[in-house]
């Protein structure tokens, strides 16, 4: 799973605003089918995945410590896309608080003016990329769909952590996420 920021030039950054040497963009293939394209600069390469659906939802991300959730991303509105290898969420909040424009709850080691410039002038926003092979399970109740993910620890990449990613409302997210992670995990109603 990748948690980070994306600017209007399609450049992706990690939670500390370091470059991921990755560009993410939406495109269409020759038949007009929408696709999500990940372009790496180091090593050079590109992967494109067909998009099968999208919905306007809100997202919330937390680290899962044996069922106790520690928030990483405050609830934020945006768009969720389902593609052939996972899911992708791009935040699109109606407003951003000027004193704390990021919805990620992490300490950013950058000048406050640089962070404000990123969001205000560069059109930056938060994103979540969830590959199918990192999904442990998908569960739903009346209000939300929870995607349980195992991914590298941000501080210690060789260690795996559990994350909970909630999408609301369930009525919009559930049809889009149906079958996600079935190659590895399970789906159930909770």
Protein backbone atom coordinates (compact mmCIF):
# COMPACT_ATOMS: atom_id res chain seq x y z
CA UNK A 1 0.00 0.00 0.00
CA UNK A 2 1.20 3.48 -0.76
CA UNK A 3 0.05 6.44 1.31
CA UNK A 4 1.20 9.78 0.00
CA UNK A 5 0.60 12.97 -1.90
CA UNK A 6 0.08 13.70 -5.59
CA UNK A 7 0.56 17.08 -7.28
CA UNK A 8 -1.01 18.40 -10.50
CA UNK A 9 2.11 17.37 -12.44
CA UNK A 10 1.29 13.73 -11.50
CA UNK A 11 4.34 13.45 -9.20
CA UNK A 12 3.91 11.23 -6.13
CA UNK A 13 5.46 11.96 -2.73
CA UNK A 14 5.63 9.96 0.50
CA UNK A 15 4.20 11.16 3.82
CA UNK A 16 7.34 13.22 4.51
CA UNK A 17 7.10 14.92 1.09
CA UNK A 18 10.10 13.02 -0.30
CA UNK A 19 9.71 12.07 -3.95
CA UNK A 20 8.67 8.50 -4.69
CA UNK A 21 10.16 8.77 -8.20
CA UNK A 22 6.73 7.83 -9.42
CA UNK A 23 4.08 9.52 -11.52
CA UNK A 24 0.44 8.53 -11.34
CA UNK A 25 -2.07 9.59 -13.98
CA UNK A 26 -5.43 8.70 -15.46
CA UNK A 27 -5.56 7.96 -19.18
CA UNK A 28 -7.56 6.02 -21.78
CA UNK A 29 -6.44 3.16 -23.98
CA UNK A 30 -6.97 3.09 -27.76
CA UNK A 31 -10.53 1.77 -27.27
CA UNK A 32 -11.36 4.62 -24.87
CA UNK A 33 -11.32 2.45 -21.75
CA UNK A 34 -10.11 4.41 -18.69
CA UNK A 35 -6.89 3.25 -17.07
CA UNK A 36 -4.67 4.19 -14.14
CA UNK A 37 -0.99 4.53 -15.09
CA UNK A 38 1.96 4.22 -12.68
CA UNK A 39 5.24 5.46 -14.23
CA UNK A 40 8.48 4.87 -12.35
CA UNK A 41 11.58 6.95 -13.04
CA UNK A 42 13.98 4.70 -11.07
CA UNK A 43 14.06 2.13 -12.60
CA UNK A 44 12.24 3.44 -15.67
CA UNK A 45 9.00 1.65 -16.46
CA UNK A 46 5.27 1.98 -16.71
CA UNK A 47 2.29 -0.14 -15.67
CA UNK A 48 -1.28 0.60 -16.68
CA UNK A 49 -4.39 -0.96 -15.17
CA UNK A 50 -7.92 -0.88 -16.60
CA UNK A 51 -10.43 0.93 -14.38
CA UNK A 52 -13.68 -0.95 -13.83
CA UNK A 53 -15.55 1.64 -11.75
CA UNK A 54 -15.43 4.72 -9.57
CA UNK A 55 -17.43 6.40 -6.82
CA UNK A 56 -17.44 9.52 -4.66
CA UNK A 57 -16.69 8.34 -1.10
CA UNK A 58 -14.80 9.39 2.00
CA UNK A 59 -11.73 7.53 3.27
CA UNK A 60 -10.14 7.00 6.68
CA UNK A 61 -6.85 5.14 7.31
CA UNK A 62 -5.52 3.76 10.58
CA UNK A 63 -2.75 1.44 11.74
CA UNK A 64 -4.31 -1.64 13.29
CA UNK A 65 -2.58 -2.74 16.50
CA UNK A 66 -4.43 -5.96 17.38
CA UNK A 67 -7.82 -4.34 16.83
CA UNK A 68 -6.91 -0.97 18.33
CA UNK A 69 -6.90 1.64 15.57
CA UNK A 70 -4.44 4.54 15.49
CA UNK A 71 -5.55 7.13 12.90
CA UNK A 72 -3.20 8.05 10.04
CA UNK A 73 -5.64 9.84 7.72
CA UNK A 74 -8.54 11.92 8.98
CA UNK A 75 -11.82 11.23 7.15
CA UNK A 76 -11.65 13.04 3.82
CA UNK A 77 -13.91 13.15 0.78
CA UNK A 78 -12.62 12.11 -2.62
CA UNK A 79 -12.94 9.56 -5.41
CA UNK A 80 -12.30 5.84 -5.28
CA UNK A 81 -11.38 3.87 -8.40
CA UNK A 82 -11.36 0.08 -8.74
CA UNK A 83 -8.79 -1.20 -11.20
CA UNK A 84 -7.72 -4.66 -12.28
CA UNK A 85 -4.96 -4.91 -9.64
CA UNK A 86 -6.49 -3.08 -6.66
CA UNK A 87 -8.03 0.22 -5.62
CA UNK A 88 -6.94 3.86 -5.73
CA UNK A 89 -8.33 6.79 -3.72
CA UNK A 90 -7.62 10.45 -4.44
CA UNK A 91 -8.72 13.02 -1.86
CA UNK A 92 -10.75 16.00 -3.01
CA UNK A 93 -11.83 17.89 0.11
CA UNK A 94 -14.13 20.88 -0.33
CA UNK A 95 -11.88 22.94 1.96
CA UNK A 96 -8.48 22.64 3.66
CA UNK A 97 -7.68 24.26 6.99
CA UNK A 98 -4.86 26.74 6.21
CA UNK A 99 -3.04 26.02 9.49
CA UNK A 100 -2.99 22.22 8.87
CA UNK A 101 -3.79 21.53 5.20
CA UNK A 102 -2.87 17.82 5.17
CA UNK A 103 -5.43 15.23 6.19
CA UNK A 104 -2.62 12.79 7.07
CA UNK A 105 -1.86 12.85 10.79
CA UNK A 106 1.91 12.77 10.48
CA UNK A 107 4.58 15.27 11.47
CA UNK A 108 5.80 16.87 8.25
CA UNK A 109 9.41 17.98 8.33
CA UNK A 110 8.98 20.84 5.89
CA UNK A 111 8.43 24.56 6.28
CA UNK A 112 4.75 25.36 6.84
CA UNK A 113 4.88 27.76 3.88
CA UNK A 114 6.18 24.93 1.65
CA UNK A 115 3.34 22.64 2.75
CA UNK A 116 0.77 25.39 2.14
CA UNK A 117 2.33 26.07 -1.29
CA UNK A 118 2.05 22.36 -2.17
CA UNK A 119 -1.67 22.23 -1.43
CA UNK A 120 -2.69 25.75 -2.48
CA UNK A 121 -0.50 26.47 -5.51
CA UNK A 122 0.49 23.02 -6.77
CA UNK A 123 -2.96 21.51 -6.30
CA UNK A 124 -1.52 18.73 -4.14
CA UNK A 125 -3.73 16.17 -2.47
CA UNK A 126 -3.58 12.89 -0.57
CA UNK A 127 -3.78 9.47 -2.22
CA UNK A 128 -4.07 5.83 -1.18
CA UNK A 129 -3.02 3.01 -3.50
CA UNK A 130 -4.03 -0.48 -2.37
CA UNK A 131 -2.65 -3.38 -4.41
CA UNK A 132 -4.80 -6.50 -4.44
CA UNK A 133 -1.98 -8.73 -3.17
CA UNK A 134 -1.63 -6.77 0.10
CA UNK A 135 -5.30 -7.08 1.07
CA UNK A 136 -6.02 -9.40 3.98
CA UNK A 137 -9.80 -9.00 3.97
CA UNK A 138 -12.70 -6.78 2.99
CA UNK A 139 -15.64 -6.45 5.38
CA UNK A 140 -18.74 -4.28 5.31
CA UNK A 141 -21.50 -3.09 7.56
CA UNK A 142 -24.33 -0.63 6.90
CA UNK A 143 -22.09 2.45 7.20
CA UNK A 144 -18.68 1.52 5.83
CA UNK A 145 -16.49 -0.93 3.95
CA UNK A 146 -13.22 -1.81 5.72
CA UNK A 147 -10.24 -3.01 3.71
CA UNK A 148 -7.65 -4.68 5.96
CA UNK A 149 -4.18 -4.40 4.48
CA UNK A 150 -0.71 -5.65 5.35
CA UNK A 151 2.04 -3.36 4.11
CA UNK A 152 5.57 -2.23 4.85
CA UNK A 153 6.17 -0.14 7.95
CA UNK A 154 6.82 3.47 6.91
CA UNK A 155 9.83 3.73 9.26
CA UNK A 156 11.08 0.14 8.89
CA UNK A 157 10.24 -1.08 5.35
CA UNK A 158 11.27 -4.70 6.07
CA UNK A 159 8.60 -4.97 8.78
CA UNK A 160 4.94 -5.47 7.91
CA UNK A 161 2.12 -3.61 9.66
CA UNK A 162 -1.63 -4.02 9.53
CA UNK A 163 -3.77 -1.13 8.33
CA UNK A 164 -7.52 -0.54 8.25
CA UNK A 165 -8.86 1.57 5.38
CA UNK A 166 -12.52 2.58 5.72
CA UNK A 167 -14.64 3.88 2.85
CA UNK A 168 -18.05 5.52 3.37
CA UNK A 169 -20.85 5.31 2.50
CA UNK A 170 -20.99 1.53 2.19
CA UNK A 171 -23.75 1.78 -0.42
CA UNK A 172 -21.29 3.37 -2.88
CA UNK A 173 -18.07 1.62 -1.83
CA UNK A 174 -19.30 -1.97 -1.43
CA UNK A 175 -20.25 -2.64 -5.08
CA UNK A 176 -16.96 -1.13 -6.21
CA UNK A 177 -14.82 -3.18 -3.81
CA UNK A 178 -16.68 -6.48 -4.19
CA UNK A 179 -14.22 -9.30 -4.86
CA UNK A 180 -11.19 -7.17 -3.99
CA UNK A 181 -8.46 -9.22 -2.34
CA UNK A 182 -10.14 -12.57 -2.97
CA UNK A 183 -6.89 -13.92 -4.37
CA UNK A 184 -5.40 -13.67 -0.89
CA UNK A 185 -7.97 -12.70 1.72
CA UNK A 186 -11.64 -13.08 2.33
CA UNK A 187 -14.78 -11.00 2.07
CA UNK A 188 -17.48 -10.93 4.65
CA UNK A 189 -20.22 -8.79 6.13
CA UNK A 190 -19.63 -7.52 9.64
